[in-house]
């Protein structure tokens, strides 16, 4: 399944891009509206993009009454990204969601203060609140992301999303002051790929849960490498800003790979078979 990374695509603004995907992942929704961090909050670097958006979103009530009905009109499987600042925040939102493909629990945003409860406590609360599939979105910034993966699996997660952005800093060359108003931001783009592959590989070995792999994916080769490390699905992030037709381009390239008889094609067939099992 080819998805977008949360926050990297507005399906209501670019529905034709969203329809190139197998499912759409929303921006993270919190109980109350959030304006996010002060600008500037996006910076391009030679190594990727830094963002410090800060979970800007209309809040749960407006999302449920206005945004979600319009997203349903796209006739795409919807993954709802849920955030908060304690386990109850997450669980209350999960309890209000129905008839969606899955819920992605944003357990690792680098641009806001972390929730007081642990990732496992949040997942457990959400598991008690909804029968929907729960995917925990984790960060490789943790010294042992596989340990966190095991904990959220034990708490009832149905899958994992790996990885979230990593905290980084960019300086203005003239002033040597941080470019972003918040100072640090979340780094995304190609430089994340080796870190993401390591996290997917470790968490697949630790849990065996379905994994949405993301982090620096720009080509069909990248997709196959994530699948080889244990991902069942992949999500496109920063590439969508520069190349909105990337889903179509990658899908066409994957079709060529699958028509071959090499190891890449074999891995694609294995993943497809496991997804259908």
C-alpha atoms as a PDB file:
ATOM      1  CA  UNK A   1       0.000   0.000   0.000  1.00  0.00           C
ATOM      2  CA  UNK A   2       1.323   3.413  -1.017  1.00  0.00           C
ATOM      3  CA  UNK A   3       0.397   6.202   1.402  1.00  0.00           C
ATOM      4  CA  UNK A   4       1.460   9.765   2.177  1.00  0.00           C
ATOM      5  CA  UNK A   5       3.268  10.683   5.358  1.00  0.00           C
ATOM      6  CA  UNK A   6       1.040  12.700   7.678  1.00  0.00           C
ATOM      7  CA  UNK A   7       1.294  16.438   7.063  1.00  0.00           C
ATOM      8  CA  UNK A   8       2.945  16.150   3.638  1.00  0.00           C
ATOM      9  CA  UNK A   9      -0.197  16.346   1.516  1.00  0.00           C
ATOM     10  CA  UNK A  10      -3.516  18.199   1.733  1.00  0.00           C
ATOM     11  CA  UNK A  11      -5.953  15.926  -0.076  1.00  0.00           C
ATOM     12  CA  UNK A  12      -8.622  18.622  -0.240  1.00  0.00           C
ATOM     13  CA  UNK A  13      -6.245  21.023  -1.996  1.00  0.00           C
ATOM     14  CA  UNK A  14      -4.624  18.370  -4.220  1.00  0.00           C
ATOM     15  CA  UNK A  15      -7.204  15.592  -4.667  1.00  0.00           C
ATOM     16  CA  UNK A  16      -5.623  14.378  -7.923  1.00  0.00           C
ATOM     17  CA  UNK A  17      -2.363  13.698  -6.083  1.00  0.00           C
ATOM     18  CA  UNK A  18      -4.191  11.952  -3.246  1.00  0.00           C
ATOM     19  CA  UNK A  19      -5.976   9.679  -5.722  1.00  0.00           C
ATOM     20  CA  UNK A  20      -2.602   8.400  -6.929  1.00  0.00           C
ATOM     21  CA  UNK A  21      -2.232   6.783  -3.493  1.00  0.00           C
ATOM     22  CA  UNK A  22      -3.815   3.666  -2.022  1.00  0.00           C
ATOM     23  CA  UNK A  23      -4.895   5.594   1.051  1.00  0.00           C
ATOM     24  CA  UNK A  24      -4.665   9.070   2.567  1.00  0.00           C
ATOM     25  CA  UNK A  25      -3.181   9.903   5.988  1.00  0.00           C
ATOM     26  CA  UNK A  26      -4.493  13.118   7.552  1.00  0.00           C
ATOM     27  CA  UNK A  27      -2.564  15.769   9.417  1.00  0.00           C
ATOM     28  CA  UNK A  28      -2.435  15.039  13.130  1.00  0.00           C
ATOM     29  CA  UNK A  29      -5.668  15.969  14.916  1.00  0.00           C
ATOM     30  CA  UNK A  30      -5.641  17.165  18.527  1.00  0.00           C
ATOM     31  CA  UNK A  31      -8.650  17.709  20.822  1.00  0.00           C
ATOM     32  CA  UNK A  32      -8.393  21.516  20.656  1.00  0.00           C
ATOM     33  CA  UNK A  33      -7.457  23.702  17.672  1.00  0.00           C
ATOM     34  CA  UNK A  34      -3.778  24.581  17.383  1.00  0.00           C
ATOM     35  CA  UNK A  35      -2.201  27.438  15.446  1.00  0.00           C
ATOM     36  CA  UNK A  36       1.168  25.737  15.665  1.00  0.00           C
ATOM     37  CA  UNK A  37       4.534  27.363  16.147  1.00  0.00           C
ATOM     38  CA  UNK A  38       5.455  30.888  15.119  1.00  0.00           C
ATOM     39  CA  UNK A  39       7.008  31.419  11.664  1.00  0.00           C
ATOM     40  CA  UNK A  40       9.373  30.836  10.093  1.00  0.00           C
ATOM     41  CA  UNK A  41       8.674  27.159  10.618  1.00  0.00           C
ATOM     42  CA  UNK A  42       9.984  25.526   7.420  1.00  0.00           C
ATOM     43  CA  UNK A  43      13.579  25.596   6.189  1.00  0.00           C
ATOM     44  CA  UNK A  44      15.279  23.840   3.297  1.00  0.00           C
ATOM     45  CA  UNK A  45      18.794  22.524   3.862  1.00  0.00           C
ATOM     46  CA  UNK A  46      21.322  20.665   1.733  1.00  0.00           C
ATOM     47  CA  UNK A  47      20.390  17.504   3.639  1.00  0.00           C
ATOM     48  CA  UNK A  48      16.602  17.683   3.668  1.00  0.00           C
ATOM     49  CA  UNK A  49      13.774  19.809   4.973  1.00  0.00           C
ATOM     50  CA  UNK A  50      13.310  21.075   8.518  1.00  0.00           C
ATOM     51  CA  UNK A  51       9.818  21.794   9.754  1.00  0.00           C
ATOM     52  CA  UNK A  52       8.531  23.074  13.062  1.00  0.00           C
ATOM     53  CA  UNK A  53       4.840  23.312  12.213  1.00  0.00           C
ATOM     54  CA  UNK A  54       3.803  22.269  15.707  1.00  0.00           C
ATOM     55  CA  UNK A  55       0.699  20.193  14.927  1.00  0.00           C
ATOM     56  CA  UNK A  56      -1.333  23.097  13.518  1.00  0.00           C
ATOM     57  CA  UNK A  57      -4.853  21.745  12.973  1.00  0.00           C
ATOM     58  CA  UNK A  58      -8.522  22.796  13.322  1.00  0.00           C
ATOM     59  CA  UNK A  59      -9.163  20.612  16.346  1.00  0.00           C
ATOM     60  CA  UNK A  60     -11.224  17.475  16.800  1.00  0.00           C
ATOM     61  CA  UNK A  61     -14.734  18.953  16.600  1.00  0.00           C
ATOM     62  CA  UNK A  62     -14.192  20.873  13.385  1.00  0.00           C
ATOM     63  CA  UNK A  63     -12.324  17.953  11.862  1.00  0.00           C
ATOM     64  CA  UNK A  64     -15.208  15.584  12.589  1.00  0.00           C
ATOM     65  CA  UNK A  65     -17.947  17.962  11.455  1.00  0.00           C
ATOM     66  CA  UNK A  66     -16.281  19.570   8.435  1.00  0.00           C
ATOM     67  CA  UNK A  67     -12.988  18.050   7.256  1.00  0.00           C
ATOM     68  CA  UNK A  68     -13.727  14.337   7.615  1.00  0.00           C
ATOM     69  CA  UNK A  69     -17.013  14.403   5.622  1.00  0.00           C
ATOM     70  CA  UNK A  70     -15.212  16.183   2.760  1.00  0.00           C
ATOM     71  CA  UNK A  71     -12.348  13.688   2.857  1.00  0.00           C
ATOM     72  CA  UNK A  72     -14.840  10.819   2.594  1.00  0.00           C
ATOM     73  CA  UNK A  73     -16.004  12.266  -0.741  1.00  0.00           C
ATOM     74  CA  UNK A  74     -12.582  11.382  -2.195  1.00  0.00           C
ATOM     75  CA  UNK A  75     -13.530   7.706  -1.855  1.00  0.00           C
ATOM     76  CA  UNK A  76     -10.085   6.795  -0.508  1.00  0.00           C
ATOM     77  CA  UNK A  77      -9.226   4.621   2.493  1.00  0.00           C
ATOM     78  CA  UNK A  78      -8.591   7.122   5.281  1.00  0.00           C
ATOM     79  CA  UNK A  79      -5.939   6.876   7.977  1.00  0.00           C
ATOM     80  CA  UNK A  80      -6.530   9.425  10.735  1.00  0.00           C
ATOM     81  CA  UNK A  81      -3.454  10.750  12.543  1.00  0.00           C
ATOM     82  CA  UNK A  82      -4.272  11.393  16.197  1.00  0.00           C
ATOM     83  CA  UNK A  83      -2.236  13.413  18.688  1.00  0.00           C
ATOM     84  CA  UNK A  84      -2.520  14.842  22.167  1.00  0.00           C
ATOM     85  CA  UNK A  85      -0.722  15.636  25.383  1.00  0.00           C
ATOM     86  CA  UNK A  86      -1.953  12.781  27.571  1.00  0.00           C
ATOM     87  CA  UNK A  87      -3.416   9.324  27.028  1.00  0.00           C
ATOM     88  CA  UNK A  88      -6.977  10.590  27.494  1.00  0.00           C
ATOM     89  CA  UNK A  89      -6.535  13.099  24.649  1.00  0.00           C
ATOM     90  CA  UNK A  90      -5.690  10.309  22.242  1.00  0.00           C
ATOM     91  CA  UNK A  91      -8.322   7.893  23.531  1.00  0.00           C
ATOM     92  CA  UNK A  92     -11.152  10.425  23.442  1.00  0.00           C
ATOM     93  CA  UNK A  93     -10.449  11.194  19.786  1.00  0.00           C
ATOM     94  CA  UNK A  94     -10.152   7.510  18.892  1.00  0.00           C
ATOM     95  CA  UNK A  95     -13.525   6.833  20.469  1.00  0.00           C
ATOM     96  CA  UNK A  96     -15.117   9.427  18.159  1.00  0.00           C
ATOM     97  CA  UNK A  97     -13.770   7.886  14.946  1.00  0.00           C
ATOM     98  CA  UNK A  98     -15.726   5.339  12.924  1.00  0.00           C
ATOM     99  CA  UNK A  99     -15.563   3.771   9.466  1.00  0.00           C
ATOM    100  CA  UNK A 100     -11.958   4.662   8.705  1.00  0.00           C
ATOM    101  CA  UNK A 101      -9.158   2.402   7.516  1.00  0.00           C
ATOM    102  CA  UNK A 102      -6.868   2.920  10.496  1.00  0.00           C
ATOM    103  CA  UNK A 103      -5.725   5.326  13.179  1.00  0.00           C
ATOM    104  CA  UNK A 104      -2.112   6.449  13.291  1.00  0.00           C
ATOM    105  CA  UNK A 105      -1.109   7.497  16.798  1.00  0.00           C
ATOM    106  CA  UNK A 106       1.464  10.276  16.579  1.00  0.00           C
ATOM    107  CA  UNK A 107       3.606   9.283  19.549  1.00  0.00           C
ATOM    108  CA  UNK A 108       6.755  11.130  18.533  1.00  0.00           C
ATOM    109  CA  UNK A 109       6.313  14.652  17.133  1.00  0.00           C
ATOM    110  CA  UNK A 110       9.618  16.534  17.636  1.00  0.00           C
ATOM    111  CA  UNK A 111       7.983  19.989  17.438  1.00  0.00           C
ATOM    112  CA  UNK A 112       5.777  19.986  20.533  1.00  0.00           C
ATOM    113  CA  UNK A 113       6.203  18.991  24.161  1.00  0.00           C
ATOM    114  CA  UNK A 114       5.881  15.250  24.591  1.00  0.00           C
ATOM    115  CA  UNK A 115       2.820  13.666  26.179  1.00  0.00           C
ATOM    116  CA  UNK A 116       3.152  12.994  29.877  1.00  0.00           C
ATOM    117  CA  UNK A 117       2.151   9.353  29.427  1.00  0.00           C
ATOM    118  CA  UNK A 118       4.371   6.734  27.826  1.00  0.00           C
ATOM    119  CA  UNK A 119       3.760   5.446  24.308  1.00  0.00           C
ATOM    120  CA  UNK A 120       2.534   2.129  25.713  1.00  0.00           C
ATOM    121  CA  UNK A 121       0.104   3.859  28.078  1.00  0.00           C
ATOM    122  CA  UNK A 122      -1.315   5.889  25.199  1.00  0.00           C
ATOM    123  CA  UNK A 123      -1.747   2.824  23.010  1.00  0.00           C
ATOM    124  CA  UNK A 124      -3.413   0.891  25.835  1.00  0.00           C
ATOM    125  CA  UNK A 125      -5.895   3.711  26.423  1.00  0.00           C
ATOM    126  CA  UNK A 126      -6.700   3.897  22.720  1.00  0.00           C
ATOM    127  CA  UNK A 127      -7.033   0.129  22.450  1.00  0.00           C
ATOM    128  CA  UNK A 128      -9.716   0.270  25.138  1.00  0.00           C
ATOM    129  CA  UNK A 129     -11.496   3.084  23.282  1.00  0.00           C
ATOM    130  CA  UNK A 130     -11.748   1.697  19.747  1.00  0.00           C
ATOM    131  CA  UNK A 131     -11.811  -1.542  17.731  1.00  0.00           C
ATOM    132  CA  UNK A 132     -10.180   0.245  14.774  1.00  0.00           C
ATOM    133  CA  UNK A 133      -6.648  -0.661  13.699  1.00  0.00           C
ATOM    134  CA  UNK A 134      -4.005   1.296  15.602  1.00  0.00           C
ATOM    135  CA  UNK A 135      -0.583   2.105  14.158  1.00  0.00           C
ATOM    136  CA  UNK A 136       1.935   3.683  16.529  1.00  0.00           C
ATOM    137  CA  UNK A 137       4.174   6.261  14.856  1.00  0.00           C
ATOM    138  CA  UNK A 138       7.590   6.065  16.492  1.00  0.00           C
ATOM    139  CA  UNK A 139      10.834   8.008  16.336  1.00  0.00           C
ATOM    140  CA  UNK A 140      14.289   6.566  15.812  1.00  0.00           C
ATOM    141  CA  UNK A 141      15.544   9.213  18.233  1.00  0.00           C
ATOM    142  CA  UNK A 142      14.878   6.731  21.045  1.00  0.00           C
ATOM    143  CA  UNK A 143      18.078   4.831  21.873  1.00  0.00           C
ATOM    144  CA  UNK A 144      16.235   1.533  21.429  1.00  0.00           C
ATOM    145  CA  UNK A 145      13.255   1.998  19.123  1.00  0.00           C
ATOM    146  CA  UNK A 146      12.720  -1.782  19.033  1.00  0.00           C
ATOM    147  CA  UNK A 147      12.100  -1.714  22.786  1.00  0.00           C
ATOM    148  CA  UNK A 148       9.403   0.934  22.303  1.00  0.00           C
ATOM    149  CA  UNK A 149       7.928  -1.113  19.464  1.00  0.00           C
ATOM    150  CA  UNK A 150       7.676  -4.183  21.695  1.00  0.00           C
ATOM    151  CA  UNK A 151       5.979  -2.101  24.397  1.00  0.00           C
ATOM    152  CA  UNK A 152       3.328  -0.640  22.091  1.00  0.00           C
ATOM    153  CA  UNK A 153       2.762  -4.071  20.532  1.00  0.00           C
ATOM    154  CA  UNK A 154       2.132  -5.525  23.979  1.00  0.00           C
ATOM    155  CA  UNK A 155      -0.250  -2.634  24.693  1.00  0.00           C
ATOM    156  CA  UNK A 156      -2.398  -3.520  21.692  1.00  0.00           C
ATOM    157  CA  UNK A 157      -0.998  -1.763  18.618  1.00  0.00           C
ATOM    158  CA  UNK A 158      -1.900  -3.455  15.336  1.00  0.00           C
ATOM    159  CA  UNK A 159       1.024  -1.959  13.452  1.00  0.00           C
ATOM    160  CA  UNK A 160       3.835   0.594  13.430  1.00  0.00           C
ATOM    161  CA  UNK A 161       4.681   3.691  11.373  1.00  0.00           C
ATOM    162  CA  UNK A 162       8.434   4.233  11.081  1.00  0.00           C
ATOM    163  CA  UNK A 163       9.913   6.764  11.305  1.00  0.00           C
ATOM    164  CA  UNK A 164       8.907  10.243  12.344  1.00  0.00           C
ATOM    165  CA  UNK A 165      11.222  13.155  11.623  1.00  0.00           C
ATOM    166  CA  UNK A 166      14.404  13.604  13.646  1.00  0.00           C
ATOM    167  CA  UNK A 167      15.236  16.794  15.493  1.00  0.00           C
ATOM    168  CA  UNK A 168      17.661  19.073  13.641  1.00  0.00           C
ATOM    169  CA  UNK A 169      18.892  22.663  13.513  1.00  0.00           C
ATOM    170  CA  UNK A 170      19.703  25.025  10.631  1.00  0.00           C
ATOM    171  CA  UNK A 171      21.610  28.299  11.048  1.00  0.00           C
ATOM    172  CA  UNK A 172      21.369  31.427   8.942  1.00  0.00           C
ATOM    173  CA  UNK A 173      24.844  31.768   7.372  1.00  0.00           C
ATOM    174  CA  UNK A 174      24.818  35.534   7.862  1.00  0.00           C
ATOM    175  CA  UNK A 175      23.662  35.790  11.465  1.00  0.00           C
ATOM    176  CA  UNK A 176      24.538  32.281  12.692  1.00  0.00           C
ATOM    177  CA  UNK A 177      21.147  32.264  14.373  1.00  0.00           C
ATOM    178  CA  UNK A 178      18.568  29.477  13.995  1.00  0.00           C
ATOM    179  CA  UNK A 179      16.498  29.797  10.834  1.00  0.00           C
ATOM    180  CA  UNK A 180      13.366  28.438  12.493  1.00  0.00           C
ATOM    181  CA  UNK A 181      11.622  30.556  15.111  1.00  0.00           C
ATOM    182  CA  UNK A 182      11.391  27.558  17.419  1.00  0.00           C
ATOM    183  CA  UNK A 183      15.083  26.835  16.882  1.00  0.00           C
ATOM    184  CA  UNK A 184      14.993  23.133  16.180  1.00  0.00           C
ATOM    185  CA  UNK A 185      12.676  21.312  13.816  1.00  0.00           C
ATOM    186  CA  UNK A 186      11.976  17.871  12.391  1.00  0.00           C
ATOM    187  CA  UNK A 187      14.347  16.767   9.628  1.00  0.00           C
ATOM    188  CA  UNK A 188      12.858  14.865   6.701  1.00  0.00           C
ATOM    189  CA  UNK A 189      14.085  13.876   3.262  1.00  0.00           C
ATOM    190  CA  UNK A 190      16.662  11.496   1.752  1.00  0.00           C
ATOM    191  CA  UNK A 191      19.126  11.820   4.636  1.00  0.00           C
ATOM    192  CA  UNK A 192      16.616  10.008   6.855  1.00  0.00           C
ATOM    193  CA  UNK A 193      16.519   6.839   4.765  1.00  0.00           C
ATOM    194  CA  UNK A 194      19.400   4.838   6.350  1.00  0.00           C
ATOM    195  CA  UNK A 195      18.056   5.614   9.825  1.00  0.00           C
ATOM    196  CA  UNK A 196      14.540   4.651   8.795  1.00  0.00           C
ATOM    197  CA  UNK A 197      15.667   1.377   7.216  1.00  0.00           C
ATOM    198  CA  UNK A 198      17.508   0.439  10.411  1.00  0.00           C
ATOM    199  CA  UNK A 199      14.421   1.189  12.511  1.00  0.00           C
ATOM    200  CA  UNK A 200      12.116  -0.803  10.234  1.00  0.00           C
ATOM    201  CA  UNK A 201      14.527  -3.741  10.233  1.00  0.00           C
ATOM    202  CA  UNK A 202      14.867  -3.738  14.032  1.00  0.00           C
ATOM    203  CA  UNK A 203      11.157  -3.301  14.773  1.00  0.00           C
ATOM    204  CA  UNK A 204      10.119  -5.956  12.267  1.00  0.00           C
ATOM    205  CA  UNK A 205      12.476  -8.424  13.931  1.00  0.00           C
ATOM    206  CA  UNK A 206      11.240  -7.398  17.397  1.00  0.00           C
ATOM    207  CA  UNK A 207       7.488  -7.492  16.793  1.00  0.00           C
ATOM    208  CA  UNK A 208       6.498  -8.937  13.422  1.00  0.00           C
ATOM    209  CA  UNK A 209       3.773  -6.280  13.237  1.00  0.00           C
ATOM    210  CA  UNK A 210       2.755  -4.698   9.917  1.00  0.00           C
ATOM    211  CA  UNK A 211       4.911  -1.624   9.333  1.00  0.00           C
ATOM    212  CA  UNK A 212       4.386   1.529   7.293  1.00  0.00           C
ATOM    213  CA  UNK A 213       7.928   2.494   6.315  1.00  0.00           C
ATOM    214  CA  UNK A 214       8.806   6.125   5.597  1.00  0.00           C
ATOM    215  CA  UNK A 215      11.783   8.423   5.538  1.00  0.00           C
ATOM    216  CA  UNK A 216      13.520   9.596   2.380  1.00  0.00           C
ATOM    217  CA  UNK A 217      11.570   7.513  -0.122  1.00  0.00           C
ATOM    218  CA  UNK A 218      11.855   9.006  -3.628  1.00  0.00           C
ATOM    219  CA  UNK A 219      12.179   6.006  -5.982  1.00  0.00           C
ATOM    220  CA  UNK A 220      10.885   2.482  -6.557  1.00  0.00           C
ATOM    221  CA  UNK A 221      14.284   1.195  -5.398  1.00  0.00           C
ATOM    222  CA  UNK A 222      13.715   2.941  -2.061  1.00  0.00           C
ATOM    223  CA  UNK A 223      10.328   1.269  -1.750  1.00  0.00           C
ATOM    224  CA  UNK A 224      11.775  -2.187  -2.394  1.00  0.00           C
ATOM    225  CA  UNK A 225      14.514  -1.606   0.193  1.00  0.00           C
ATOM    226  CA  UNK A 226      11.916  -0.702   2.832  1.00  0.00           C
ATOM    227  CA  UNK A 227       9.949  -3.829   1.934  1.00  0.00           C
ATOM    228  CA  UNK A 228      13.131  -5.896   2.169  1.00  0.00           C
ATOM    229  CA  UNK A 229      13.661  -4.593   5.710  1.00  0.00           C
ATOM    230  CA  UNK A 230      10.195  -5.666   6.781  1.00  0.00           C
ATOM    231  CA  UNK A 231       7.762  -2.905   5.828  1.00  0.00           C
ATOM    232  CA  UNK A 232       4.395  -3.983   4.451  1.00  0.00           C
ATOM    233  CA  UNK A 233       3.370  -0.480   3.339  1.00  0.00           C
ATOM    234  CA  UNK A 234       5.323   2.686   2.535  1.00  0.00           C
ATOM    235  CA  UNK A 235       4.562   6.402   2.818  1.00  0.00           C
ATOM    236  CA  UNK A 236       5.869   9.286   0.741  1.00  0.00           C
ATOM    237  CA  UNK A 237       6.764  12.478   2.542  1.00  0.00           C
ATOM    238  CA  UNK A 238       9.009  15.360   1.525  1.00  0.00           C
ATOM    239  CA  UNK A 239       9.191  14.169  -2.084  1.00  0.00           C
ATOM    240  CA  UNK A 240       5.544  15.199  -2.559  1.00  0.00           C
ATOM    241  CA  UNK A 241       6.416  18.879  -2.158  1.00  0.00           C
ATOM    242  CA  UNK A 242       8.848  18.848  -5.092  1.00  0.00           C
ATOM    243  CA  UNK A 243       7.293  16.064  -7.161  1.00  0.00           C
ATOM    244  CA  UNK A 244       3.526  15.719  -6.655  1.00  0.00           C
ATOM    245  CA  UNK A 245       3.418  13.022  -9.337  1.00  0.00           C
ATOM    246  CA  UNK A 246       5.873  10.864  -7.390  1.00  0.00           C
ATOM    247  CA  UNK A 247       3.206   8.255  -6.462  1.00  0.00           C
ATOM    248  CA  UNK A 248       2.401   7.641 -10.127  1.00  0.00           C
ATOM    249  CA  UNK A 249       6.076   7.620 -11.125  1.00  0.00           C
ATOM    250  CA  UNK A 250       6.993   5.166  -8.385  1.00  0.00           C
ATOM    251  CA  UNK A 251       3.999   2.941  -9.060  1.00  0.00           C
ATOM    252  CA  UNK A 252       4.934   2.687 -12.751  1.00  0.00           C
ATOM    253  CA  UNK A 253       8.542   1.857 -11.865  1.00  0.00           C
ATOM    254  CA  UNK A 254       7.394  -0.817  -9.405  1.00  0.00           C
ATOM    255  CA  UNK A 255       5.317  -2.421 -12.149  1.00  0.00           C
ATOM    256  CA  UNK A 256       8.467  -2.721 -14.261  1.00  0.00           C
ATOM    257  CA  UNK A 257      10.352  -4.267 -11.342  1.00  0.00           C
ATOM    258  CA  UNK A 258       7.562  -6.723 -10.655  1.00  0.00           C
ATOM    259  CA  UNK A 259       7.571  -7.871 -14.280  1.00  0.00           C
ATOM    260  CA  UNK A 260      11.207  -8.922 -13.888  1.00  0.00           C
ATOM    261  CA  UNK A 261      12.425 -12.244 -12.462  1.00  0.00           C
ATOM    262  CA  UNK A 262      15.040 -10.810 -10.112  1.00  0.00           C
ATOM    263  CA  UNK A 263      15.202 -10.643  -6.297  1.00  0.00           C
ATOM    264  CA  UNK A 264      13.400  -7.290  -6.193  1.00  0.00           C
ATOM    265  CA  UNK A 265      10.392  -8.746  -7.976  1.00  0.00           C
ATOM    266  CA  UNK A 266      10.438 -11.761  -5.673  1.00  0.00           C
ATOM    267  CA  UNK A 267      10.380  -9.524  -2.615  1.00  0.00           C
ATOM    268  CA  UNK A 268       7.445  -7.549  -4.012  1.00  0.00           C
ATOM    269  CA  UNK A 269       5.508 -10.783  -4.578  1.00  0.00           C
ATOM    270  CA  UNK A 270       6.261 -11.938  -1.035  1.00  0.00           C
ATOM    271  CA  UNK A 271       4.986  -8.689   0.456  1.00  0.00           C
ATOM    272  CA  UNK A 272       1.861  -8.769  -1.683  1.00  0.00           C
ATOM    273  CA  UNK A 273       1.161 -12.372  -0.671  1.00  0.00           C
ATOM    274  CA  UNK A 274       1.613 -11.579   3.035  1.00  0.00           C
ATOM    275  CA  UNK A 275      -0.700  -8.566   2.750  1.00  0.00           C
ATOM    276  CA  UNK A 276      -3.423 -10.744   1.246  1.00  0.00           C
ATOM    277  CA  UNK A 277      -2.951 -13.627   3.720  1.00  0.00           C
END
